[in-house]
Amino acid sequence: MTHEVNLSHVEGELRDWSYPASRETLVDECAGTTVLFADGDADLGDLFGDVDQAQFESAEDAYTALQNVLPIEAVGEPGQSDGDA
């Protein structure tokens, strides 16, 4: 993968890989893919490098692990409040 993908489409992109897959495999295969967030972006390979899990049984498993390392910029709209008034 060497392109840009919106965060909402990452799980679909991960379905293109064979599972089980090691973290190292996903780090290497996803390097160069830019994930676009609500406010910013990051390299998908670098994000998988931050994941503690060593192996993934499915695309859903990999995506769930990825959710734990996403930066704050990945969620919500830029400048969105958390409801405090």
N, C-alpha and C. Protein backbone atom coordinates (compact mmCIF):
# COMPACT_ATOMS: atom_id res chain seq x y z
N MET A 1 0.84 -1.18 0.00
CA MET A 1 0.00 0.00 0.00
C MET A 1 0.88 1.24 0.00
N THR A 2 0.74 2.08 -0.96
CA THR A 2 1.39 3.39 -0.92
C THR A 2 0.42 4.41 -1.48
N HIS A 3 -0.46 4.87 -0.62
CA HIS A 3 -1.45 5.86 -1.00
C HIS A 3 -2.07 6.49 0.24
N GLU A 4 -3.10 7.28 0.03
CA GLU A 4 -3.82 7.89 1.14
C GLU A 4 -5.16 7.18 1.31
N VAL A 5 -5.57 7.04 2.55
CA VAL A 5 -6.85 6.39 2.85
C VAL A 5 -7.47 7.09 4.06
N ASN A 6 -8.76 7.33 3.99
CA ASN A 6 -9.47 7.89 5.14
C ASN A 6 -9.54 6.84 6.25
N LEU A 7 -9.49 7.28 7.48
CA LEU A 7 -9.55 6.38 8.62
C LEU A 7 -10.75 5.45 8.52
N SER A 8 -11.86 5.95 8.04
CA SER A 8 -13.08 5.13 7.95
C SER A 8 -12.95 3.99 6.95
N HIS A 9 -11.93 4.01 6.09
CA HIS A 9 -11.74 2.96 5.10
C HIS A 9 -10.57 2.03 5.40
N VAL A 10 -9.89 2.26 6.52
CA VAL A 10 -8.70 1.47 6.84
C VAL A 10 -9.05 -0.01 7.03
N GLU A 11 -10.14 -0.32 7.72
CA GLU A 11 -10.48 -1.72 7.95
C GLU A 11 -10.69 -2.45 6.63
N GLY A 12 -11.33 -1.80 5.67
CA GLY A 12 -11.51 -2.40 4.36
C GLY A 12 -10.19 -2.65 3.66
N GLU A 13 -9.25 -1.71 3.79
CA GLU A 13 -7.92 -1.89 3.20
C GLU A 13 -7.19 -3.07 3.85
N LEU A 14 -7.37 -3.25 5.14
CA LEU A 14 -6.70 -4.34 5.85
C LEU A 14 -7.22 -5.70 5.42
N ARG A 15 -8.40 -5.75 4.87
CA ARG A 15 -8.96 -7.03 4.41
C ARG A 15 -8.23 -7.58 3.20
N ASP A 16 -7.39 -6.76 2.56
CA ASP A 16 -6.62 -7.21 1.41
C ASP A 16 -5.46 -8.12 1.79
N TRP A 17 -5.12 -8.22 3.07
CA TRP A 17 -3.98 -9.00 3.52
C TRP A 17 -4.40 -10.37 3.98
N SER A 18 -3.47 -11.31 3.99
CA SER A 18 -3.71 -12.66 4.49
C SER A 18 -3.54 -12.68 6.00
N TYR A 19 -4.38 -13.42 6.67
CA TYR A 19 -4.31 -13.55 8.13
C TYR A 19 -4.25 -15.02 8.48
N PRO A 20 -3.60 -15.36 9.60
CA PRO A 20 -2.99 -14.45 10.57
C PRO A 20 -1.79 -13.71 9.97
N ALA A 21 -1.55 -12.53 10.51
CA ALA A 21 -0.44 -11.68 10.07
C ALA A 21 0.28 -11.14 11.29
N SER A 22 1.59 -11.06 11.21
CA SER A 22 2.37 -10.51 12.31
C SER A 22 2.36 -8.99 12.26
N ARG A 23 2.65 -8.40 13.40
CA ARG A 23 2.75 -6.94 13.45
C ARG A 23 3.83 -6.45 12.49
N GLU A 24 4.96 -7.16 12.44
CA GLU A 24 6.06 -6.76 11.55
C GLU A 24 5.62 -6.75 10.09
N THR A 25 4.82 -7.74 9.70
CA THR A 25 4.31 -7.80 8.33
C THR A 25 3.45 -6.58 8.03
N LEU A 26 2.54 -6.23 8.94
CA LEU A 26 1.68 -5.08 8.71
C LEU A 26 2.46 -3.77 8.75
N VAL A 27 3.47 -3.68 9.61
CA VAL A 27 4.32 -2.49 9.63
C VAL A 27 4.98 -2.31 8.27
N ASP A 28 5.56 -3.39 7.74
CA ASP A 28 6.24 -3.32 6.44
C ASP A 28 5.29 -3.08 5.29
N GLU A 29 4.19 -3.82 5.25
CA GLU A 29 3.26 -3.74 4.12
C GLU A 29 2.47 -2.44 4.10
N CYS A 30 2.24 -1.85 5.26
CA CYS A 30 1.44 -0.63 5.34
C CYS A 30 2.28 0.65 5.34
N ALA A 31 3.60 0.50 5.42
CA ALA A 31 4.48 1.68 5.40
C ALA A 31 4.26 2.45 4.10
N GLY A 32 4.17 3.74 4.21
CA GLY A 32 3.96 4.58 3.04
C GLY A 32 2.50 4.90 2.77
N THR A 33 1.59 4.26 3.50
CA THR A 33 0.17 4.57 3.37
C THR A 33 -0.18 5.64 4.39
N THR A 34 -0.70 6.74 3.93
CA THR A 34 -1.08 7.84 4.80
C THR A 34 -2.54 7.70 5.19
N VAL A 35 -2.80 7.66 6.49
CA VAL A 35 -4.17 7.62 7.00
C VAL A 35 -4.59 9.05 7.29
N LEU A 36 -5.70 9.46 6.69
CA LEU A 36 -6.22 10.81 6.86
C LEU A 36 -7.22 10.84 8.00
N PHE A 37 -6.96 11.72 8.97
CA PHE A 37 -7.83 11.88 10.14
C PHE A 37 -8.71 13.12 9.97
N ALA A 38 -9.57 13.33 10.95
CA ALA A 38 -10.40 14.53 10.97
C ALA A 38 -9.51 15.78 11.00
N ASP A 39 -8.38 15.67 11.68
CA ASP A 39 -7.47 16.81 11.80
C ASP A 39 -6.03 16.30 11.77
N GLY A 40 -5.54 15.97 10.59
CA GLY A 40 -4.17 15.50 10.47
C GLY A 40 -4.08 14.18 9.75
N ASP A 41 -2.90 13.56 9.84
CA ASP A 41 -2.68 12.27 9.19
C ASP A 41 -1.50 11.57 9.86
N ALA A 42 -1.31 10.30 9.52
CA ALA A 42 -0.18 9.52 10.05
C ALA A 42 0.10 8.37 9.08
N ASP A 43 1.31 7.84 9.17
CA ASP A 43 1.69 6.69 8.36
C ASP A 43 1.13 5.42 9.01
N LEU A 44 0.41 4.62 8.25
CA LEU A 44 -0.23 3.42 8.78
C LEU A 44 0.81 2.43 9.31
N GLY A 45 1.92 2.28 8.63
CA GLY A 45 2.98 1.40 9.11
C GLY A 45 3.51 1.84 10.46
N ASP A 46 3.70 3.15 10.63
CA ASP A 46 4.16 3.67 11.91
C ASP A 46 3.15 3.41 13.02
N LEU A 47 1.87 3.54 12.70
CA LEU A 47 0.83 3.27 13.69
C LEU A 47 0.87 1.82 14.14
N PHE A 48 1.02 0.89 13.19
CA PHE A 48 1.12 -0.52 13.56
C PHE A 48 2.40 -0.78 14.37
N GLY A 49 3.43 0.00 14.15
CA GLY A 49 4.64 -0.13 14.94
C GLY A 49 4.41 0.19 16.41
N ASP A 50 3.40 1.00 16.70
CA ASP A 50 3.07 1.37 18.08
C ASP A 50 2.16 0.37 18.77
N VAL A 51 1.60 -0.57 18.02
CA VAL A 51 0.69 -1.57 18.58
C VAL A 51 1.49 -2.61 19.37
N ASP A 52 0.99 -2.99 20.54
CA ASP A 52 1.66 -3.98 21.38
C ASP A 52 1.42 -5.41 20.93
N GLN A 53 0.33 -5.65 20.25
CA GLN A 53 -0.04 -7.01 19.83
C GLN A 53 0.93 -7.53 18.78
N ALA A 54 1.36 -8.78 18.90
CA ALA A 54 2.35 -9.35 17.99
C ALA A 54 1.75 -9.99 16.75
N GLN A 55 0.50 -10.47 16.84
CA GLN A 55 -0.12 -11.15 15.70
C GLN A 55 -1.60 -10.82 15.65
N PHE A 56 -2.13 -10.81 14.45
CA PHE A 56 -3.54 -10.48 14.22
C PHE A 56 -4.19 -11.63 13.47
N GLU A 57 -5.36 -12.03 13.94
CA GLU A 57 -6.06 -13.16 13.35
C GLU A 57 -6.96 -12.76 12.19
N SER A 58 -7.30 -11.47 12.09
CA SER A 58 -8.21 -11.00 11.04
C SER A 58 -8.02 -9.50 10.85
N ALA A 59 -8.63 -8.98 9.79
CA ALA A 59 -8.61 -7.53 9.57
C ALA A 59 -9.29 -6.80 10.72
N GLU A 60 -10.36 -7.37 11.23
CA GLU A 60 -11.07 -6.75 12.35
C GLU A 60 -10.18 -6.70 13.59
N ASP A 61 -9.43 -7.76 13.82
CA ASP A 61 -8.50 -7.82 14.94
C ASP A 61 -7.43 -6.74 14.81
N ALA A 62 -6.87 -6.59 13.62
CA ALA A 62 -5.84 -5.58 13.37
C ALA A 62 -6.41 -4.18 13.55
N TYR A 63 -7.61 -3.94 13.04
CA TYR A 63 -8.23 -2.62 13.13
C TYR A 63 -8.54 -2.27 14.59
N THR A 64 -9.01 -3.24 15.35
CA THR A 64 -9.30 -3.00 16.77
C THR A 64 -8.03 -2.61 17.51
N ALA A 65 -6.93 -3.33 17.26
CA ALA A 65 -5.66 -3.00 17.91
C ALA A 65 -5.19 -1.61 17.50
N LEU A 66 -5.42 -1.26 16.25
CA LEU A 66 -5.01 0.05 15.73
C LEU A 66 -5.74 1.18 16.45
N GLN A 67 -6.99 0.94 16.81
CA GLN A 67 -7.79 1.96 17.50
C GLN A 67 -7.13 2.43 18.80
N ASN A 68 -6.38 1.55 19.43
CA ASN A 68 -5.75 1.87 20.72
C ASN A 68 -4.54 2.79 20.59
N VAL A 69 -4.01 2.98 19.38
CA VAL A 69 -2.82 3.81 19.22
C VAL A 69 -3.08 5.06 18.37
N LEU A 70 -4.33 5.28 17.99
CA LEU A 70 -4.64 6.46 17.18
C LEU A 70 -4.45 7.74 17.99
N PRO A 71 -3.90 8.77 17.37
CA PRO A 71 -3.74 10.05 18.07
C PRO A 71 -5.09 10.74 18.23
N ILE A 72 -5.15 11.71 19.10
CA ILE A 72 -6.39 12.44 19.38
C ILE A 72 -6.95 13.10 18.10
N GLU A 73 -6.08 13.44 17.17
CA GLU A 73 -6.51 14.08 15.93
C GLU A 73 -7.37 13.15 15.07
N ALA A 74 -7.36 11.87 15.38
CA ALA A 74 -8.06 10.89 14.56
C ALA A 74 -9.57 10.89 14.75
N VAL A 75 -10.03 11.41 15.87
CA VAL A 75 -11.46 11.34 16.15
C VAL A 75 -12.10 12.71 16.20
N GLY A 76 -13.34 12.76 15.78
CA GLY A 76 -14.11 13.99 15.84
C GLY A 76 -13.76 14.97 14.74
N GLU A 77 -14.46 16.04 14.75
CA GLU A 77 -14.24 17.12 13.80
C GLU A 77 -13.24 18.11 14.38
N PRO A 78 -12.43 18.73 13.53
CA PRO A 78 -11.50 19.75 14.05
C PRO A 78 -12.25 20.82 14.83
N GLY A 79 -11.77 21.12 16.02
CA GLY A 79 -12.38 22.17 16.85
C GLY A 79 -13.65 21.73 17.54
N GLN A 80 -14.03 20.48 17.42
CA GLN A 80 -15.26 20.00 18.04
C GLN A 80 -15.07 19.94 19.54
N SER A 81 -16.08 20.41 20.29
CA SER A 81 -15.99 20.34 21.75
C SER A 81 -16.51 18.99 22.21
N ASP A 82 -16.26 18.69 23.46
CA ASP A 82 -16.75 17.42 24.01
C ASP A 82 -18.10 17.60 24.71
N GLY A 83 -18.78 18.69 24.43
CA GLY A 83 -20.11 18.91 24.97
C GLY A 83 -20.16 19.89 26.11
N ASP A 84 -19.02 20.35 26.60
CA ASP A 84 -19.04 21.34 27.68
C ASP A 84 -19.52 22.66 27.13
N ALA A 85 -20.39 23.29 27.88
CA ALA A 85 -20.92 24.58 27.43
C ALA A 85 -20.60 25.67 28.40
